[in-house]
Amino acid sequence: MPKMKTNSSAKKRFKVTGSGKIKRFRAGKSHLLRKKSKKAKGHLTGSVLVAKADEKRLKDLLAI
């Protein structure tokens, strides 16, 4: 059986942690920033873990 291919868009957007969880960045920090408060922009900074419900689907896309 051939190897599973990793989805190219998924590998650019998600990273796998050492414990096997999937990390993502928050959406909404790329444009229309003048109308967002400093506090709102601060909350969009940094990474968070992917929801448990989405993990299986993303693991298939990342071929893990």
C-alpha atoms as a PDB file:
ATOM      1  CA  MET A   1       0.000   0.000   0.000  1.00  0.00           C
ATOM      2  CA  PRO A   2       1.375   3.474  -0.841  1.00  0.00           C
ATOM      3  CA  LYS A   3       2.257   6.044   1.778  1.00  0.00           C
ATOM      4  CA  MET A   4      -0.388   8.563   2.853  1.00  0.00           C
ATOM      5  CA  LYS A   5       0.214  12.054   1.473  1.00  0.00           C
ATOM      6  CA  THR A   6       0.103  15.012   3.866  1.00  0.00           C
ATOM      7  CA  ASN A   7      -2.380  17.724   2.876  1.00  0.00           C
ATOM      8  CA  SER A   8      -0.255  20.741   1.884  1.00  0.00           C
ATOM      9  CA  SER A   9      -2.599  23.420   3.222  1.00  0.00           C
ATOM     10  CA  ALA A  10      -2.929  21.622   6.570  1.00  0.00           C
ATOM     11  CA  LYS A  11       0.819  21.269   7.094  1.00  0.00           C
ATOM     12  CA  LYS A  12       1.214  25.044   6.685  1.00  0.00           C
ATOM     13  CA  ARG A  13      -1.535  25.861   9.197  1.00  0.00           C
ATOM     14  CA  PHE A  14      -1.094  23.290  11.972  1.00  0.00           C
ATOM     15  CA  LYS A  15       1.793  21.956  14.072  1.00  0.00           C
ATOM     16  CA  VAL A  16       1.886  18.803  16.179  1.00  0.00           C
ATOM     17  CA  THR A  17       3.083  19.117  19.779  1.00  0.00           C
ATOM     18  CA  GLY A  18       5.373  16.635  21.468  1.00  0.00           C
ATOM     19  CA  SER A  19       2.424  14.947  23.170  1.00  0.00           C
ATOM     20  CA  GLY A  20       0.579  14.545  19.851  1.00  0.00           C
ATOM     21  CA  LYS A  21      -1.937  17.371  20.212  1.00  0.00           C
ATOM     22  CA  ILE A  22      -2.476  19.777  17.305  1.00  0.00           C
ATOM     23  CA  LYS A  23      -1.744  23.486  17.600  1.00  0.00           C
ATOM     24  CA  ARG A  24      -3.295  26.262  15.488  1.00  0.00           C
ATOM     25  CA  PHE A  25      -3.172  30.045  15.217  1.00  0.00           C
ATOM     26  CA  ARG A  26      -6.253  32.216  15.682  1.00  0.00           C
ATOM     27  CA  ALA A  27      -8.011  33.687  12.647  1.00  0.00           C
ATOM     28  CA  GLY A  28      -8.665  37.382  12.101  1.00  0.00           C
ATOM     29  CA  LYS A  29      -5.239  38.968  12.642  1.00  0.00           C
ATOM     30  CA  SER A  30      -4.341  39.660   9.012  1.00  0.00           C
ATOM     31  CA  HIS A  31      -6.499  42.616   7.932  1.00  0.00           C
ATOM     32  CA  LEU A  32      -9.095  45.194   9.092  1.00  0.00           C
ATOM     33  CA  LEU A  33      -6.990  45.756  12.195  1.00  0.00           C
ATOM     34  CA  ARG A  34      -7.738  49.470  12.639  1.00  0.00           C
ATOM     35  CA  LYS A  35     -11.276  48.792  13.841  1.00  0.00           C
ATOM     36  CA  LYS A  36     -10.184  46.143  16.353  1.00  0.00           C
ATOM     37  CA  SER A  37      -9.181  47.225  19.822  1.00  0.00           C
ATOM     38  CA  LYS A  38      -5.707  46.591  21.178  1.00  0.00           C
ATOM     39  CA  LYS A  39      -7.212  44.057  23.567  1.00  0.00           C
ATOM     40  CA  ALA A  40      -8.965  42.198  20.736  1.00  0.00           C
ATOM     41  CA  LYS A  41      -5.753  42.058  18.682  1.00  0.00           C
ATOM     42  CA  GLY A  42      -3.869  40.799  21.714  1.00  0.00           C
ATOM     43  CA  HIS A  43      -6.318  37.932  22.158  1.00  0.00           C
ATOM     44  CA  LEU A  44      -5.733  36.892  18.542  1.00  0.00           C
ATOM     45  CA  THR A  45      -1.975  36.602  19.092  1.00  0.00           C
ATOM     46  CA  GLY A  46      -0.391  33.278  19.932  1.00  0.00           C
ATOM     47  CA  SER A  47      -1.471  29.708  19.372  1.00  0.00           C
ATOM     48  CA  VAL A  48      -4.115  27.459  20.906  1.00  0.00           C
ATOM     49  CA  LEU A  49      -4.895  23.769  20.758  1.00  0.00           C
ATOM     50  CA  VAL A  50      -7.384  22.460  18.223  1.00  0.00           C
ATOM     51  CA  ALA A  51     -10.785  21.369  19.556  1.00  0.00           C
ATOM     52  CA  LYS A  52     -11.091  17.700  20.444  1.00  0.00           C
ATOM     53  CA  ALA A  53     -13.916  17.278  17.890  1.00  0.00           C
ATOM     54  CA  ASP A  54     -11.616  18.333  15.016  1.00  0.00           C
ATOM     55  CA  GLU A  55      -8.524  16.347  16.012  1.00  0.00           C
ATOM     56  CA  LYS A  56      -9.317  13.106  14.174  1.00  0.00           C
ATOM     57  CA  ARG A  57     -10.059  14.900  10.892  1.00  0.00           C
ATOM     58  CA  LEU A  58      -6.850  16.928  11.108  1.00  0.00           C
ATOM     59  CA  LYS A  59      -4.739  13.894  11.977  1.00  0.00           C
ATOM     60  CA  ASP A  60      -5.992  12.292   8.741  1.00  0.00           C
ATOM     61  CA  LEU A  61      -5.042  15.415   6.773  1.00  0.00           C
ATOM     62  CA  LEU A  62      -1.603  15.554   8.407  1.00  0.00           C
ATOM     63  CA  ALA A  63      -1.148  11.782   7.894  1.00  0.00           C
ATOM     64  CA  ILE A  64      -0.217  11.125  11.528  1.00  0.00           C
END
